């Protein structure tokens, strides 16, 4: 009887262990490492390389799971199309809301993505400035100087680059504020693009054309790209802040369909939410993006803004608030702006095809 009782006891224990194994297996599965893919645009390479080093240990501390973030970069419009056509991104951090909408229109992002995170899902902003060679040999100070004969302009292609769309719209607003009507503005924009030496597919490619290949006299640049050039090539370049520019609002979103497929939805949401944390905002500012945090922004705002910047300020206060910034609402939002200016056969095509 004792032996029989022992057999029953052993069987009970074995059954208990058998029941416990799936539970422990599930627990182990939950702790498996996560791989997250962030598809972004050209000028954010350095920003997200720094941010990922902050986020990965943060996420492991928060959840007990290791996470590795991989990055993909290119022209924002091109990146949006790549994701829409099958490039599997868990999150997108693109140059503008309109590019994220392309991914949403492909059925990959749930409706309402601009309301998922604060400030229309734009954790940082930027603007458009001019990068010229040291001494500003062509005496370039504002948008009207870009339409003079003999000025070589470098800007990417609005068909593939979100930054290029911002460039175009900033120029449009400048000429509009000069009192020009639509026909006159189109002619001014046509003259500007007639001066374009190279129309690269993305902003980083344009920076390479200007800085490394020494093409053109002026680069229409994201603010962060221009400051990186000052930092990497001291004494070789200057930033010219035009009198009129545009508030660039890069937009972030979880690619819901892909994240659900990968089981990364929670991680993807945390990845984008953490961009708004104070420590992340400091990294954004140090990479020359304008932080959304008022406290952090004040820490990096210059006491007096200059229209010419020859070096990264030693005190780190680089943000210039003394510039007239319009925003995309002036153009009726991205859906209207894209239809009017950048769709096939729209205004950009009409002026560029007439070169």
Protein backbone atom coordinates (compact mmCIF):
# COMPACT_ATOMS: atom_id res chain seq x y z
CA UNK A 1 0.00 0.00 0.00
CA UNK A 2 2.87 2.31 0.84
CA UNK A 3 4.38 1.67 -2.60
CA UNK A 4 1.02 2.30 -4.23
CA UNK A 5 0.61 5.54 -2.26
CA UNK A 6 4.09 6.60 -3.37
CA UNK A 7 3.20 5.86 -6.98
CA UNK A 8 0.04 7.97 -6.67
CA UNK A 9 2.01 10.76 -5.00
CA UNK A 10 4.65 10.70 -7.74
CA UNK A 11 1.96 10.73 -10.41
CA UNK A 12 0.29 13.71 -8.77
CA UNK A 13 3.61 15.54 -8.59
CA UNK A 14 4.35 14.74 -12.23
CA UNK A 15 0.93 16.01 -13.25
CA UNK A 16 1.51 19.20 -11.31
CA UNK A 17 4.88 19.67 -12.97
CA UNK A 18 3.35 19.00 -16.38
CA UNK A 19 0.79 21.70 -15.74
CA UNK A 20 3.50 24.05 -14.55
CA UNK A 21 5.73 23.63 -17.62
CA UNK A 22 3.44 25.41 -20.09
CA UNK A 23 3.03 28.28 -17.64
CA UNK A 24 6.77 28.65 -17.17
CA UNK A 25 7.20 28.23 -20.92
CA UNK A 26 4.77 31.07 -21.51
CA UNK A 27 6.61 33.20 -18.96
CA UNK A 28 9.90 32.51 -20.70
CA UNK A 29 8.32 33.33 -24.05
CA UNK A 30 7.23 36.71 -22.72
CA UNK A 31 10.84 37.46 -21.83
CA UNK A 32 12.15 36.64 -25.31
CA UNK A 33 14.09 39.53 -26.92
CA UNK A 34 12.16 41.91 -29.13
CA UNK A 35 13.29 43.28 -32.47
CA UNK A 36 11.70 46.57 -33.45
CA UNK A 37 12.10 48.25 -36.85
CA UNK A 38 11.90 52.03 -37.16
CA UNK A 39 11.54 53.25 -40.74
CA UNK A 40 12.51 56.91 -40.76
CA UNK A 41 13.76 59.59 -43.13
CA UNK A 42 17.25 60.71 -44.09
CA UNK A 43 18.33 63.32 -41.52
CA UNK A 44 17.29 61.34 -38.41
CA UNK A 45 20.12 58.78 -38.57
CA UNK A 46 22.16 60.37 -35.79
CA UNK A 47 19.10 61.24 -33.69
CA UNK A 48 17.74 57.69 -33.57
CA UNK A 49 21.18 56.12 -33.14
CA UNK A 50 21.47 58.17 -29.93
CA UNK A 51 17.83 57.67 -28.92
CA UNK A 52 17.99 53.89 -29.31
CA UNK A 53 20.91 53.75 -26.87
CA UNK A 54 18.68 55.49 -24.34
CA UNK A 55 15.50 53.57 -25.11
CA UNK A 56 16.79 49.99 -25.16
CA UNK A 57 17.96 49.90 -21.49
CA UNK A 58 14.87 51.90 -20.49
CA UNK A 59 12.59 49.28 -22.02
CA UNK A 60 14.48 46.38 -20.49
CA UNK A 61 14.28 48.02 -17.06
CA UNK A 62 10.57 48.70 -17.57
CA UNK A 63 9.56 45.24 -18.80
CA UNK A 64 12.43 42.85 -18.14
CA UNK A 65 12.73 42.16 -21.88
CA UNK A 66 15.68 42.98 -24.06
CA UNK A 67 14.90 44.99 -27.17
CA UNK A 68 16.92 45.78 -30.27
CA UNK A 69 15.88 48.60 -32.58
CA UNK A 70 16.93 48.58 -36.21
CA UNK A 71 16.70 51.64 -38.43
CA UNK A 72 15.95 52.31 -42.08
CA UNK A 73 16.51 55.71 -43.67
CA UNK A 74 15.85 57.36 -47.03
CA UNK A 75 13.73 60.07 -48.59
CA UNK A 76 10.57 60.31 -46.51
CA UNK A 77 8.13 59.94 -49.39
CA UNK A 78 10.09 57.01 -50.76
CA UNK A 79 10.20 55.38 -47.32
CA UNK A 80 6.43 55.77 -46.95
CA UNK A 81 5.88 54.02 -50.28
CA UNK A 82 8.30 51.24 -49.31
CA UNK A 83 6.32 50.53 -46.13
CA UNK A 84 3.00 50.76 -47.98
CA UNK A 85 4.35 48.24 -50.49
CA UNK A 86 5.57 45.69 -47.97
CA UNK A 87 8.66 46.87 -46.06
CA UNK A 88 7.77 45.68 -42.55
CA UNK A 89 8.09 48.56 -40.09
CA UNK A 90 6.84 48.41 -36.51
CA UNK A 91 6.95 52.21 -36.33
CA UNK A 92 7.42 55.02 -38.81
CA UNK A 93 9.01 58.35 -37.89
CA UNK A 94 8.63 60.30 -41.11
CA UNK A 95 9.14 63.89 -42.22
CA UNK A 96 5.50 64.85 -42.38
CA UNK A 97 1.98 63.73 -41.64
CA UNK A 98 1.22 63.32 -45.33
CA UNK A 99 3.83 60.59 -45.69
CA UNK A 100 2.44 58.69 -42.71
CA UNK A 101 -0.99 59.02 -44.33
CA UNK A 102 0.34 57.09 -47.33
CA UNK A 103 1.04 54.16 -44.99
CA UNK A 104 -2.38 54.58 -43.35
CA UNK A 105 -4.09 54.61 -46.76
CA UNK A 106 -2.47 51.23 -47.43
CA UNK A 107 -4.45 49.86 -44.47
CA UNK A 108 -1.41 49.44 -42.20
CA UNK A 109 -2.12 52.18 -39.63
CA UNK A 110 -5.38 52.49 -37.73
CA UNK A 111 -7.40 55.71 -38.19
CA UNK A 112 -6.61 58.62 -35.91
CA UNK A 113 -2.83 58.25 -35.76
CA UNK A 114 -2.28 61.98 -35.25
CA UNK A 115 -4.22 61.76 -31.97
CA UNK A 116 -2.37 58.71 -30.62
CA UNK A 117 0.51 60.78 -29.20
CA UNK A 118 0.70 64.39 -27.97
CA UNK A 119 0.97 67.42 -30.24
CA UNK A 120 -0.47 65.71 -33.32
CA UNK A 121 2.04 62.87 -32.86
CA UNK A 122 4.94 65.25 -33.46
CA UNK A 123 7.42 64.93 -30.56
CA UNK A 124 9.88 67.43 -32.05
CA UNK A 125 9.84 70.02 -34.82
CA UNK A 126 12.30 71.62 -37.21
CA UNK A 127 12.44 74.29 -39.87
CA UNK A 128 14.21 75.07 -43.14
CA UNK A 129 17.39 77.15 -43.33
CA UNK A 130 20.11 77.85 -45.91
CA UNK A 131 23.60 76.40 -45.68
CA UNK A 132 26.21 78.43 -47.57
CA UNK A 133 29.97 78.28 -47.85
CA UNK A 134 32.14 80.25 -45.42
CA UNK A 135 32.02 83.97 -46.12
CA UNK A 136 28.77 83.57 -48.06
CA UNK A 137 30.48 84.33 -51.40
CA UNK A 138 27.18 84.61 -53.33
CA UNK A 139 25.73 87.02 -50.72
CA UNK A 140 22.64 84.89 -50.10
CA UNK A 141 20.32 86.18 -47.38
CA UNK A 142 16.73 85.32 -48.32
CA UNK A 143 14.57 83.39 -50.75
CA UNK A 144 14.66 86.09 -53.42
CA UNK A 145 18.44 85.58 -53.69
CA UNK A 146 17.85 81.99 -54.82
CA UNK A 147 16.25 83.09 -58.08
CA UNK A 148 19.17 85.27 -59.19
CA UNK A 149 21.16 84.18 -62.21
CA UNK A 150 24.35 82.33 -61.32
CA UNK A 151 23.19 80.92 -57.97
CA UNK A 152 23.41 77.14 -57.77
CA UNK A 153 20.76 75.61 -55.47
CA UNK A 154 20.81 72.14 -53.94
CA UNK A 155 17.47 70.71 -52.77
CA UNK A 156 15.93 67.23 -52.91
CA UNK A 157 12.99 66.18 -55.04
CA UNK A 158 9.50 66.82 -53.59
CA UNK A 159 8.34 63.63 -55.30
CA UNK A 160 10.49 61.50 -52.99
CA UNK A 161 11.53 63.73 -50.07
CA UNK A 162 9.37 65.18 -47.30
CA UNK A 163 12.04 67.78 -46.57
CA UNK A 164 11.84 68.92 -50.18
CA UNK A 165 8.11 69.55 -49.78
CA UNK A 166 8.82 71.72 -46.74
CA UNK A 167 11.46 73.62 -48.78
CA UNK A 168 9.03 74.28 -51.61
CA UNK A 169 6.22 75.42 -49.30
CA UNK A 170 8.52 77.72 -47.31
CA UNK A 171 9.60 79.39 -50.56
CA UNK A 172 5.97 79.66 -51.68
CA UNK A 173 5.01 81.41 -48.44
CA UNK A 174 7.91 83.87 -48.74
CA UNK A 175 6.91 85.00 -52.23
CA UNK A 176 3.27 85.12 -51.14
CA UNK A 177 4.22 87.52 -48.34
CA UNK A 178 5.99 89.68 -50.91
CA UNK A 179 2.54 90.35 -52.39
CA UNK A 180 2.86 88.07 -55.41
CA UNK A 181 -0.26 86.39 -56.82
CA UNK A 182 -0.34 82.66 -57.64
CA UNK A 183 0.93 83.12 -61.19
CA UNK A 184 3.82 85.29 -60.00
CA UNK A 185 4.67 82.87 -57.21
CA UNK A 186 4.76 79.99 -59.70
CA UNK A 187 7.15 81.96 -61.88
CA UNK A 188 9.41 82.71 -58.88
CA UNK A 189 9.39 79.03 -57.87
CA UNK A 190 10.13 78.05 -61.46
CA UNK A 191 13.18 80.36 -61.45
CA UNK A 192 14.32 78.81 -58.17
CA UNK A 193 14.14 75.27 -59.55
CA UNK A 194 15.80 76.39 -62.78
CA UNK A 195 18.80 77.16 -60.54
CA UNK A 196 18.76 73.69 -58.95
CA UNK A 197 22.01 71.91 -59.75
CA UNK A 198 21.11 68.48 -58.35
CA UNK A 199 17.66 67.18 -57.38
CA UNK A 200 18.52 64.29 -55.04
CA UNK A 201 15.96 61.77 -53.80
CA UNK A 202 16.44 62.66 -50.13
CA UNK A 203 17.75 65.35 -47.79
CA UNK A 204 20.90 63.45 -46.79
CA UNK A 205 21.77 62.95 -50.44
CA UNK A 206 21.45 66.70 -50.99
CA UNK A 207 23.74 67.38 -48.04
CA UNK A 208 26.30 65.00 -49.56
CA UNK A 209 26.05 66.77 -52.93
CA UNK A 210 26.66 70.16 -51.32
CA UNK A 211 29.11 69.37 -48.51
CA UNK A 212 31.13 66.46 -49.80
CA UNK A 213 30.82 66.83 -53.58
CA UNK A 214 31.09 70.65 -53.41
CA UNK A 215 28.16 71.23 -55.77
CA UNK A 216 26.07 74.39 -55.73
CA UNK A 217 26.22 77.62 -53.75
CA UNK A 218 23.42 77.05 -51.24
CA UNK A 219 21.75 74.02 -49.69
CA UNK A 220 18.09 74.23 -48.65
CA UNK A 221 18.41 72.20 -45.48
CA UNK A 222 16.65 70.88 -42.47
CA UNK A 223 17.89 72.93 -39.52
CA UNK A 224 19.46 69.87 -37.91
CA UNK A 225 21.31 68.95 -41.12
CA UNK A 226 22.76 72.46 -41.34
CA UNK A 227 23.97 72.41 -37.72
CA UNK A 228 25.51 68.96 -38.18
CA UNK A 229 27.48 70.37 -41.10
CA UNK A 230 28.74 73.26 -38.95
CA UNK A 231 29.74 70.76 -36.29
CA UNK A 232 31.46 68.30 -38.63
CA UNK A 233 33.18 70.88 -40.87
CA UNK A 234 34.10 73.81 -38.58
CA UNK A 235 34.90 77.01 -40.42
CA UNK A 236 33.75 75.74 -43.82
CA UNK A 237 30.05 76.64 -43.79
CA UNK A 238 27.56 79.15 -42.42
CA UNK A 239 23.83 78.96 -41.74
CA UNK A 240 21.66 81.72 -43.13
CA UNK A 241 18.25 81.97 -41.46
CA UNK A 242 15.74 83.35 -43.99
CA UNK A 243 13.16 85.93 -42.95
CA UNK A 244 10.34 83.45 -43.64
CA UNK A 245 10.36 79.70 -43.16
CA UNK A 246 8.00 76.93 -42.16
CA UNK A 247 7.31 74.93 -39.02
CA UNK A 248 8.22 71.38 -39.99
CA UNK A 249 6.35 68.76 -37.97
CA UNK A 250 7.77 65.26 -38.43
CA UNK A 251 5.10 62.70 -37.54
CA UNK A 252 5.43 59.35 -35.75
CA UNK A 253 3.06 56.38 -35.77
CA UNK A 254 2.81 52.73 -34.86
CA UNK A 255 2.33 50.60 -37.98
CA UNK A 256 -0.52 48.77 -36.28
CA UNK A 257 -1.01 45.88 -38.70
CA UNK A 258 2.68 44.97 -38.72
CA UNK A 259 3.15 45.49 -34.97
CA UNK A 260 0.20 43.19 -34.22
CA UNK A 261 1.64 40.60 -36.58
CA UNK A 262 5.05 40.81 -34.88
CA UNK A 263 3.63 40.96 -31.35
CA UNK A 264 5.40 44.29 -30.83
CA UNK A 265 2.43 46.64 -30.44
CA UNK A 266 3.15 47.52 -26.79
CA UNK A 267 6.86 47.96 -27.43
CA UNK A 268 6.18 50.12 -30.47
CA UNK A 269 3.86 52.37 -28.50
CA UNK A 270 6.40 52.75 -25.70
CA UNK A 271 9.12 53.51 -28.25
CA UNK A 272 7.17 56.49 -29.55
CA UNK A 273 5.78 57.60 -26.19
CA UNK A 274 9.26 57.76 -24.68
CA UNK A 275 10.26 60.35 -27.31
CA UNK A 276 8.31 62.85 -25.19
CA UNK A 277 10.24 62.14 -21.97
CA UNK A 278 12.55 64.87 -20.72
CA UNK A 279 15.72 62.80 -21.20
CA UNK A 280 14.69 62.00 -24.79
CA UNK A 281 13.85 65.62 -25.49
CA UNK A 282 17.36 66.59 -24.44
CA UNK A 283 18.79 64.10 -26.95
CA UNK A 284 16.53 65.56 -29.64
CA UNK A 285 17.75 69.08 -28.85
CA UNK A 286 21.39 67.96 -28.82
CA UNK A 287 20.78 66.58 -32.32
CA UNK A 288 19.40 69.99 -33.36
CA UNK A 289 15.70 69.16 -33.43
CA UNK A 290 13.39 71.60 -31.65
CA UNK A 291 12.01 69.80 -28.58
CA UNK A 292 8.32 69.99 -27.76
CA UNK A 293 9.06 70.29 -24.02
CA UNK A 294 8.98 73.97 -23.06
CA UNK A 295 11.48 73.36 -20.26
CA UNK A 296 14.00 71.64 -22.52
CA UNK A 297 13.44 74.13 -25.35
CA UNK A 298 14.23 77.07 -23.07
CA UNK A 299 17.49 75.37 -22.09
CA UNK A 300 18.60 75.37 -25.75
CA UNK A 301 17.16 78.71 -26.93
CA UNK A 302 19.62 81.47 -27.79
CA UNK A 303 19.22 84.76 -25.95
CA UNK A 304 19.41 86.63 -29.26
CA UNK A 305 18.85 84.95 -32.59
CA UNK A 306 21.15 85.82 -35.49
CA UNK A 307 20.35 85.54 -39.19
CA UNK A 308 23.89 84.24 -39.78
CA UNK A 309 25.35 81.40 -37.71
CA UNK A 310 28.99 80.51 -38.28
CA UNK A 311 29.47 77.87 -35.60
CA UNK A 312 27.52 75.79 -33.11
CA UNK A 313 27.23 78.04 -30.03
CA UNK A 314 29.65 77.02 -27.28
CA UNK A 315 26.89 77.26 -24.66
CA UNK A 316 24.69 74.85 -26.66
CA UNK A 317 21.92 77.45 -27.06
CA UNK A 318 21.24 77.10 -30.76
CA UNK A 319 17.47 77.57 -31.19
CA UNK A 320 16.64 80.83 -32.98
CA UNK A 321 13.13 82.05 -32.20
CA UNK A 322 13.47 85.20 -34.33
CA UNK A 323 12.07 83.84 -37.57
CA UNK A 324 8.59 84.00 -39.07
CA UNK A 325 7.34 80.40 -39.26
CA UNK A 326 4.17 79.52 -41.11
CA UNK A 327 2.69 76.03 -40.76
CA UNK A 328 0.93 73.51 -42.91
CA UNK A 329 -2.50 74.77 -41.83
CA UNK A 330 -1.88 77.83 -44.00
CA UNK A 331 -1.90 75.48 -47.00
CA UNK A 332 -5.08 73.72 -45.88
CA UNK A 333 -3.36 70.71 -44.30
CA UNK A 334 -1.32 67.99 -45.95
CA UNK A 335 -4.10 66.41 -48.00
CA UNK A 336 -4.82 69.69 -49.76
CA UNK A 337 -1.16 70.73 -50.02
CA UNK A 338 -0.23 67.43 -51.62
CA UNK A 339 -3.13 67.60 -54.09
CA UNK A 340 -2.50 71.21 -55.08
CA UNK A 341 1.29 71.20 -55.21
CA UNK A 342 2.78 67.71 -55.38
CA UNK A 343 0.33 65.29 -57.01
CA UNK A 344 0.99 64.18 -60.58
CA UNK A 345 0.20 67.12 -62.84
CA UNK A 346 -0.03 69.58 -59.92
CA UNK A 347 1.88 72.85 -59.52
CA UNK A 348 5.34 71.41 -58.94
CA UNK A 349 5.10 69.32 -62.09
CA UNK A 350 3.93 72.35 -64.06
CA UNK A 351 6.96 74.46 -63.10
CA UNK A 352 9.61 71.75 -63.10
CA UNK A 353 8.61 70.31 -66.48
CA UNK A 354 8.95 73.81 -67.96
CA UNK A 355 12.63 74.13 -66.99
